[in-house]
Amino acid sequence: MIKRTIDVLSASAGLLILSPLFLVLALWIKTDSSGPVFFRQKRIGRNKKPFHVYKFRSMTHRDPASINQKQEKVVSSSDDDRITTSGRFLRALSLDELPQLINVVKGDMSLVGPRPVIPEQLEVVPYWFESRFDVRPGITGLAQVMGRRSLSWEEQLGYDMEYVQTFSVWNDIRILILTFWVVLTRKGIYGDESGNWRSYRKEWKQYSKGLPEDTRAT
């Protein structure tokens, strides 16, 4: 109850205070490249319930149905030609994540928790990491302050598990403080192919439980 109260009050205040910034960023994104201001994507939340996450669009617009996530090239640097000019700035300061405050207010997410995975990533979340889905996913989390995308997929899942097992409100506050430092130093913004989740598919696919039957059509 304390965590949820903090989430709602903080996210609501954040949306109100940051609304002028939202407007400026929205205008920049719209004039910088063709496509919508917001990027909307299906993610997996608490108890593996699917929801749609909101982000500022930082890449050139493509039809989501045309993207094969299992074969999509990893964004390994800001020089990637899929990233827009405004997107490089947004990613550098993690401003593209701000619209997820809407998800926090709605109850899909928390300020702090494991990052929400896309449906395709479920096949590389073995059963021994399943408890990461016992909590709401977060805008930031332990894995984010410990290295973000510079970590391997296995390391990220390991930190997700550690967060769940050691949860406390005070630990959330510590992670939020560390997040500001990570954003300012711009550490771990991009990853590489070697530790990406796609490299685990052949080895770990057999250990995945996938989506529960009652959420597959959601």
Protein backbone atom coordinates (compact mmCIF):
# COMPACT_ATOMS: atom_id res chain seq x y z
CA MET A 1 0.00 0.00 0.00
CA ILE A 2 2.83 2.40 0.85
CA LYS A 3 4.62 1.66 -2.43
CA ARG A 4 1.46 2.13 -4.50
CA THR A 5 0.59 5.37 -2.70
CA ILE A 6 4.07 6.75 -3.37
CA ASP A 7 3.80 5.66 -7.02
CA VAL A 8 0.46 7.37 -7.64
CA LEU A 9 1.30 10.61 -5.83
CA SER A 10 4.78 10.90 -7.35
CA ALA A 11 3.73 10.00 -10.89
CA SER A 12 0.73 12.35 -10.79
CA ALA A 13 2.89 15.20 -9.52
CA GLY A 14 5.52 14.39 -12.13
CA LEU A 15 3.01 14.52 -14.97
CA LEU A 16 1.71 17.88 -13.76
CA ILE A 17 5.13 19.47 -13.20
CA LEU A 18 6.65 18.07 -16.39
CA SER A 19 3.70 18.89 -18.66
CA PRO A 20 5.48 21.95 -20.22
CA LEU A 21 8.50 19.75 -20.98
CA PHE A 22 6.20 17.11 -22.47
CA LEU A 23 4.76 19.73 -24.81
CA VAL A 24 8.19 20.95 -25.95
CA LEU A 25 9.45 17.42 -26.56
CA ALA A 26 6.26 16.47 -28.38
CA LEU A 27 6.62 19.43 -30.76
CA TRP A 28 10.27 18.58 -31.42
CA ILE A 29 9.53 14.91 -32.12
CA LYS A 30 6.67 15.82 -34.46
CA THR A 31 8.73 18.30 -36.48
CA ASP A 32 11.88 16.18 -36.46
CA SER A 33 10.48 13.14 -38.28
CA SER A 34 7.21 11.76 -39.61
CA GLY A 35 5.18 9.56 -37.31
CA PRO A 36 3.40 9.72 -33.95
CA VAL A 37 4.83 11.50 -30.90
CA PHE A 38 4.36 8.50 -28.65
CA PHE A 39 5.64 4.97 -29.11
CA ARG A 40 3.11 2.42 -27.87
CA GLN A 41 4.24 -1.16 -27.40
CA LYS A 42 2.85 -4.33 -25.84
CA ARG A 43 4.75 -5.38 -22.72
CA ILE A 44 4.37 -8.02 -20.01
CA GLY A 45 3.55 -6.82 -16.51
CA ARG A 46 2.81 -8.18 -13.07
CA ASN A 47 1.65 -11.82 -13.08
CA LYS A 48 2.47 -11.76 -16.81
CA LYS A 49 -0.53 -9.60 -17.61
CA PRO A 50 0.01 -7.82 -20.96
CA PHE A 51 -0.33 -4.03 -21.18
CA HIS A 52 0.77 -1.23 -23.49
CA VAL A 53 3.69 0.91 -22.44
CA TYR A 54 4.06 4.55 -23.51
CA LYS A 55 7.33 6.21 -24.51
CA PHE A 56 8.35 9.23 -26.55
CA ARG A 57 9.23 7.96 -30.03
CA SER A 58 13.01 8.04 -30.49
CA MET A 59 13.29 6.02 -33.71
CA THR A 60 11.99 6.36 -37.25
CA HIS A 61 8.37 5.26 -37.43
CA ARG A 62 7.67 1.74 -38.68
CA ASP A 63 4.56 -0.37 -38.64
CA PRO A 64 4.88 -2.52 -35.48
CA ALA A 65 3.47 -5.49 -37.41
CA SER A 66 6.45 -5.32 -39.78
CA ILE A 67 9.05 -5.67 -37.02
CA ASN A 68 10.37 -9.14 -36.24
CA GLN A 69 11.71 -8.64 -32.71
CA LYS A 70 13.55 -11.97 -32.74
CA GLN A 71 15.65 -10.82 -35.70
CA GLU A 72 15.76 -7.07 -35.02
CA LYS A 73 19.26 -5.63 -34.93
CA VAL A 74 20.44 -4.44 -31.50
CA VAL A 75 20.69 -0.65 -31.09
CA SER A 76 24.35 -0.56 -30.08
CA SER A 77 25.14 3.16 -30.46
CA SER A 78 23.62 6.59 -31.08
CA ASP A 79 24.92 6.38 -34.67
CA ASP A 80 22.25 3.83 -35.53
CA ASP A 81 20.37 5.26 -38.52
CA ARG A 82 17.04 4.14 -37.01
CA ILE A 83 17.41 6.74 -34.25
CA THR A 84 16.11 10.23 -35.01
CA THR A 85 17.92 13.45 -34.14
CA SER A 86 15.52 14.17 -31.30
CA GLY A 87 15.73 10.51 -30.32
CA ARG A 88 19.47 10.74 -29.66
CA PHE A 89 18.84 13.53 -27.17
CA LEU A 90 15.89 11.74 -25.58
CA ARG A 91 17.84 8.50 -25.14
CA ALA A 92 20.92 10.26 -23.81
CA LEU A 93 18.92 11.66 -20.87
CA SER A 94 16.34 8.84 -20.72
CA LEU A 95 13.61 11.40 -21.42
CA ASP A 96 11.91 8.92 -23.76
CA GLU A 97 10.85 6.97 -20.66
CA LEU A 98 8.89 9.84 -19.05
CA PRO A 99 5.46 8.97 -20.55
CA GLN A 100 5.59 5.76 -18.51
CA LEU A 101 4.44 7.92 -15.61
CA ILE A 102 1.02 7.43 -17.25
CA ASN A 103 1.48 3.66 -16.89
CA VAL A 104 2.33 4.15 -13.21
CA VAL A 105 -0.86 6.12 -12.54
CA LYS A 106 -2.91 3.50 -14.42
CA GLY A 107 -1.43 0.74 -12.26
CA ASP A 108 0.43 -1.10 -15.03
CA MET A 109 3.83 -0.10 -13.66
CA SER A 110 5.66 1.20 -10.62
CA LEU A 111 8.39 3.82 -10.37
CA VAL A 112 10.82 1.04 -9.38
CA GLY A 113 10.79 -2.60 -10.41
CA PRO A 114 12.09 -4.99 -13.09
CA ARG A 115 11.81 -3.48 -16.56
CA PRO A 116 8.76 -4.79 -18.47
CA VAL A 117 9.72 -7.31 -21.14
CA ILE A 118 8.22 -7.60 -24.61
CA PRO A 119 6.21 -10.80 -25.30
CA GLU A 120 9.02 -12.25 -27.44
CA GLN A 121 11.40 -12.11 -24.48
CA LEU A 122 9.26 -14.48 -22.44
CA GLU A 123 10.86 -17.46 -24.14
CA VAL A 124 14.22 -16.46 -22.64
CA VAL A 125 12.97 -16.02 -19.08
CA PRO A 126 13.59 -19.49 -17.57
CA TYR A 127 11.36 -20.76 -14.76
CA TRP A 128 14.02 -19.99 -12.13
CA PHE A 129 13.58 -16.28 -12.88
CA GLU A 130 9.77 -16.38 -12.85
CA SER A 131 9.35 -14.48 -9.57
CA ARG A 132 10.42 -11.28 -11.34
CA PHE A 133 6.78 -11.17 -12.49
CA ASP A 134 5.47 -11.14 -8.91
CA VAL A 135 5.80 -7.34 -8.78
CA ARG A 136 4.82 -4.47 -11.07
CA PRO A 137 7.52 -3.62 -13.62
CA GLY A 138 9.28 -0.30 -13.12
CA ILE A 139 10.43 2.76 -15.01
CA THR A 140 13.77 2.12 -13.34
CA GLY A 141 15.11 -0.78 -11.35
CA LEU A 142 18.11 -2.46 -9.78
CA ALA A 143 19.40 -3.71 -13.14
CA GLN A 144 19.18 -0.17 -14.52
CA VAL A 145 21.39 1.32 -11.82
CA MET A 146 23.83 -1.61 -11.98
CA GLY A 147 24.62 -1.26 -15.66
CA ARG A 148 21.48 -1.11 -17.79
CA ARG A 149 22.14 -2.41 -21.32
CA SER A 150 25.84 -2.98 -20.65
CA LEU A 151 24.72 -6.01 -18.59
CA SER A 152 24.10 -9.37 -20.20
CA TRP A 153 20.51 -10.66 -20.31
CA GLU A 154 21.31 -13.17 -17.57
CA GLU A 155 22.77 -10.44 -15.35
CA GLN A 156 19.68 -8.29 -15.85
CA LEU A 157 17.39 -11.13 -14.82
CA GLY A 158 19.63 -11.83 -11.83
CA TYR A 159 19.28 -8.27 -10.59
CA ASP A 160 15.52 -8.44 -11.17
CA MET A 161 15.38 -11.46 -8.87
CA GLU A 162 17.57 -9.75 -6.28
CA TYR A 163 15.22 -6.76 -6.30
CA VAL A 164 12.16 -8.93 -5.66
CA GLN A 165 13.87 -10.92 -2.91
CA THR A 166 15.20 -7.85 -1.07
CA PHE A 167 12.32 -5.43 -1.68
CA SER A 168 11.77 -2.53 0.68
CA VAL A 169 10.53 1.03 0.29
CA TRP A 170 13.93 2.29 1.39
CA ASN A 171 15.61 0.23 -1.30
CA ASP A 172 13.26 1.80 -3.86
CA ILE A 173 14.30 5.26 -2.67
CA ARG A 174 17.97 4.28 -2.97
CA ILE A 175 17.43 3.03 -6.53
CA LEU A 176 15.62 6.26 -7.49
CA ILE A 177 18.53 8.34 -6.19
CA LEU A 178 21.05 6.17 -8.03
CA THR A 179 18.96 6.46 -11.20
CA PHE A 180 19.56 10.21 -11.34
CA TRP A 181 23.31 9.58 -11.17
CA VAL A 182 23.17 6.91 -13.91
CA VAL A 183 21.16 9.24 -16.18
CA LEU A 184 23.54 12.15 -15.62
CA THR A 185 26.61 10.01 -16.37
CA ARG A 186 24.86 8.40 -19.36
CA LYS A 187 26.14 4.94 -18.48
CA GLY A 188 24.84 1.79 -20.15
CA ILE A 189 22.57 3.50 -22.68
CA TYR A 190 23.45 1.02 -25.41
CA GLY A 191 24.29 -2.68 -25.42
CA ASP A 192 25.75 -5.13 -27.92
CA GLU A 193 24.87 -8.39 -29.62
CA SER A 194 26.89 -10.68 -27.35
CA GLY A 195 24.82 -10.37 -24.18
CA ASN A 196 21.50 -9.50 -25.81
CA TRP A 197 18.43 -11.60 -24.99
CA ARG A 198 18.31 -12.95 -28.54
CA SER A 199 21.61 -14.76 -28.01
CA TYR A 200 19.98 -16.87 -25.25
CA ARG A 201 17.05 -18.14 -27.34
CA LYS A 202 18.63 -21.40 -28.47
CA GLU A 203 19.79 -22.34 -24.97
CA TRP A 204 16.91 -21.12 -22.77
CA LYS A 205 13.76 -21.45 -24.87
CA GLN A 206 13.10 -24.94 -23.49
CA TYR A 207 12.96 -23.62 -19.90
CA SER A 208 10.33 -20.91 -20.45
CA LYS A 209 6.76 -21.15 -19.14
CA GLY A 210 5.45 -18.47 -21.51
CA LEU A 211 2.16 -16.65 -20.94
CA PRO A 212 -0.58 -18.08 -18.73
CA GLU A 213 -3.54 -19.35 -20.74
CA ASP A 214 -5.91 -16.68 -19.43
CA THR A 215 -3.74 -13.78 -20.59
CA ARG A 216 -2.67 -14.89 -24.07
CA ALA A 217 -5.53 -13.21 -25.87
CA THR A 218 -5.27 -9.96 -23.90
